[in-house]
C-alpha atoms as a PDB file:
ATOM      1  CA  MET A   1     -21.570 -10.093  -5.504  1.00  0.00           C
ATOM      2  CA  ILE A   2     -24.065 -11.159  -8.119  1.00  0.00           C
ATOM      3  CA  ASP A   3     -22.782  -8.894 -10.897  1.00  0.00           C
ATOM      4  CA  HIS A   4     -19.072  -9.736 -11.012  1.00  0.00           C
ATOM      5  CA  GLY A   5     -18.314 -11.349  -7.659  1.00  0.00           C
ATOM      6  CA  TRP A   6     -19.118 -14.875  -8.745  1.00  0.00           C
ATOM      7  CA  HIS A   7     -16.031 -14.769 -10.995  1.00  0.00           C
ATOM      8  CA  ALA A   8     -13.824 -14.388  -7.916  1.00  0.00           C
ATOM      9  CA  PHE A   9     -15.480 -17.369  -6.269  1.00  0.00           C
ATOM     10  CA  TYR A  10     -15.076 -19.857  -9.099  1.00  0.00           C
ATOM     11  CA  LEU A  11     -11.470 -18.741  -9.641  1.00  0.00           C
ATOM     12  CA  VAL A  12     -10.614 -19.172  -5.970  1.00  0.00           C
ATOM     13  CA  LEU A  13     -12.288 -22.588  -5.848  1.00  0.00           C
ATOM     14  CA  GLU A  14     -10.366 -23.712  -8.932  1.00  0.00           C
ATOM     15  CA  TRP A  15      -7.011 -22.320  -7.786  1.00  0.00           C
ATOM     16  CA  PHE A  16      -7.181 -23.897  -4.323  1.00  0.00           C
ATOM     17  CA  GLY A  17      -8.675 -27.171  -5.490  1.00  0.00           C
ATOM     18  CA  LEU A  18      -9.827 -27.736  -1.902  1.00  0.00           C
ATOM     19  CA  ARG A  19     -13.183 -27.936  -0.171  1.00  0.00           C
ATOM     20  CA  PRO A  20     -14.295 -24.709   1.566  1.00  0.00           C
ATOM     21  CA  ILE A  21     -15.045 -25.324   5.245  1.00  0.00           C
ATOM     22  CA  ALA A  22     -15.988 -21.814   6.449  1.00  0.00           C
ATOM     23  CA  VAL A  23     -17.196 -18.541   4.959  1.00  0.00           C
ATOM     24  CA  GLN A  24     -17.330 -15.193   6.734  1.00  0.00           C
ATOM     25  CA  ALA A  25     -18.864 -12.200   4.967  1.00  0.00           C
ATOM     26  CA  SER A  26     -20.078  -8.675   5.569  1.00  0.00           C
ATOM     27  CA  LEU A  27     -22.025  -6.338   3.321  1.00  0.00           C
ATOM     28  CA  GLU A  28     -21.562  -2.584   3.658  1.00  0.00           C
ATOM     29  CA  ASN A  29     -22.592   0.775   2.267  1.00  0.00           C
ATOM     30  CA  ARG A  30     -19.288   2.607   1.893  1.00  0.00           C
ATOM     31  CA  GLN A  31     -20.235   5.269  -0.646  1.00  0.00           C
ATOM     32  CA  TYR A  32     -23.869   4.945  -1.674  1.00  0.00           C
ATOM     33  CA  ALA A  33     -25.680   5.127   1.687  1.00  0.00           C
ATOM     34  CA  GLU A  34     -28.932   6.182   0.007  1.00  0.00           C
ATOM     35  CA  LEU A  35     -29.211   2.929  -1.956  1.00  0.00           C
ATOM     36  CA  GLU A  36     -31.264   0.053  -0.608  1.00  0.00           C
ATOM     37  CA  VAL A  37     -28.531  -2.428  -1.577  1.00  0.00           C
ATOM     38  CA  GLU A  38     -24.957  -2.611  -0.333  1.00  0.00           C
ATOM     39  CA  ASP A  39     -22.090  -1.369  -2.499  1.00  0.00           C
ATOM     40  CA  THR A  40     -19.336  -3.467  -0.892  1.00  0.00           C
ATOM     41  CA  ALA A  41     -18.821  -7.101   0.117  1.00  0.00           C
ATOM     42  CA  VAL A  42     -15.902  -8.402   2.188  1.00  0.00           C
ATOM     43  CA  ILE A  43     -15.584 -12.197   2.223  1.00  0.00           C
ATOM     44  CA  ARG A  44     -13.127 -14.693   3.750  1.00  0.00           C
ATOM     45  CA  VAL A  45     -13.224 -18.333   2.656  1.00  0.00           C
ATOM     46  CA  GLN A  46     -11.276 -20.934   4.630  1.00  0.00           C
ATOM     47  CA  PHE A  47     -10.353 -24.220   2.993  1.00  0.00           C
ATOM     48  CA  GLU A  48      -9.864 -27.715   4.328  1.00  0.00           C
ATOM     49  CA  CYS A  49      -6.247 -28.821   4.549  1.00  0.00           C
ATOM     50  CA  ALA A  50      -4.417 -31.778   6.102  1.00  0.00           C
ATOM     51  CA  ASN A  51      -1.795 -29.659   7.867  1.00  0.00           C
ATOM     52  CA  SER A  52      -2.269 -26.956  10.483  1.00  0.00           C
ATOM     53  CA  HIS A  53      -2.025 -24.095   7.973  1.00  0.00           C
ATOM     54  CA  SER A  54      -5.534 -23.821   6.536  1.00  0.00           C
ATOM     55  CA  PRO A  55      -5.410 -21.852   3.282  1.00  0.00           C
ATOM     56  CA  MET A  56      -7.804 -18.945   2.990  1.00  0.00           C
ATOM     57  CA  ALA A  57      -8.960 -16.458   0.411  1.00  0.00           C
ATOM     58  CA  ASP A  58      -9.975 -12.867   1.105  1.00  0.00           C
ATOM     59  CA  ILE A  59     -12.321 -11.421  -1.502  1.00  0.00           C
ATOM     60  CA  PHE A  60     -13.114  -7.694  -1.601  1.00  0.00           C
ATOM     61  CA  LEU A  61     -15.790  -6.511  -4.031  1.00  0.00           C
ATOM     62  CA  THR A  62     -16.964  -2.911  -4.262  1.00  0.00           C
ATOM     63  CA  TRP A  63     -18.742  -0.394  -6.416  1.00  0.00           C
ATOM     64  CA  ALA A  64     -17.660   2.366  -3.986  1.00  0.00           C
ATOM     65  CA  SER A  65     -15.036   3.878  -6.262  1.00  0.00           C
ATOM     66  CA  ARG A  66     -14.869   6.332  -9.092  1.00  0.00           C
ATOM     67  CA  LEU A  67     -12.291   4.098 -10.843  1.00  0.00           C
ATOM     68  CA  ARG A  68     -12.872   0.674 -12.365  1.00  0.00           C
ATOM     69  CA  ARG A  69     -10.066  -1.747 -11.456  1.00  0.00           C
ATOM     70  CA  ASN A  70      -9.611  -5.455 -11.213  1.00  0.00           C
ATOM     71  CA  TRP A  71      -6.734  -6.753  -9.143  1.00  0.00           C
ATOM     72  CA  GLY A  72      -5.726  -9.718  -7.102  1.00  0.00           C
ATOM     73  CA  VAL A  73      -2.803 -11.148  -5.194  1.00  0.00           C
ATOM     74  CA  ILE A  74      -2.014 -14.810  -4.670  1.00  0.00           C
ATOM     75  CA  GLU A  75       0.621 -15.315  -1.979  1.00  0.00           C
ATOM     76  CA  GLY A  76       2.607 -18.474  -1.454  1.00  0.00           C
ATOM     77  CA  SER A  77       5.630 -19.416   0.615  1.00  0.00           C
ATOM     78  CA  LEU A  78       8.028 -18.865  -2.339  1.00  0.00           C
ATOM     79  CA  ALA A  79       6.374 -16.216  -4.493  1.00  0.00           C
ATOM     80  CA  GLN A  80       3.548 -13.756  -4.979  1.00  0.00           C
ATOM     81  CA  LEU A  81       1.416 -13.482  -8.112  1.00  0.00           C
ATOM     82  CA  ASN A  82       0.025  -9.998  -8.782  1.00  0.00           C
ATOM     83  CA  ILE A  83      -2.877  -9.501 -11.163  1.00  0.00           C
ATOM     84  CA  GLU A  84      -3.792  -5.948 -12.121  1.00  0.00           C
ATOM     85  CA  ASP A  85      -6.339  -5.351 -14.853  1.00  0.00           C
ATOM     86  CA  ASP A  86      -4.740  -6.999 -17.908  1.00  0.00           C
ATOM     87  CA  SER A  87      -1.228  -7.568 -16.507  1.00  0.00           C
ATOM     88  CA  LEU A  88       0.253 -10.433 -14.535  1.00  0.00           C
ATOM     89  CA  ARG A  89       3.494 -10.245 -12.520  1.00  0.00           C
ATOM     90  CA  LEU A  90       5.288 -12.941 -10.532  1.00  0.00           C
ATOM     91  CA  ASP A  91       7.496 -11.753  -7.667  1.00  0.00           C
ATOM     92  CA  ARG A  92       9.813 -14.392  -6.278  1.00  0.00           C
ATOM     93  CA  ASN A  93      11.429 -13.478  -2.940  1.00  0.00           C
ATOM     94  CA  GLY A  94      10.869  -9.758  -3.554  1.00  0.00           C
ATOM     95  CA  ARG A  95      12.106  -9.841  -7.181  1.00  0.00           C
END
């Protein structure tokens, strides 16, 4: 989380523009069990909202892979924004 994970947090905070009200996290050793530090973090951040649908962000950070990838998905009621490495794609209603 310290190496690259903080980028995910400031982006999520900026995109939502809301105050976080709850954080749930787990740290795991998925590939490198012999290390004294975890190689994976799974985080859920819930945000304050006036209506009953509290927005949330799921953040998955891992070094437990042989490939280096950066990806993200932002889902809304009308569209989905897909970020994969250096490309950005907007899918509206499955298109």
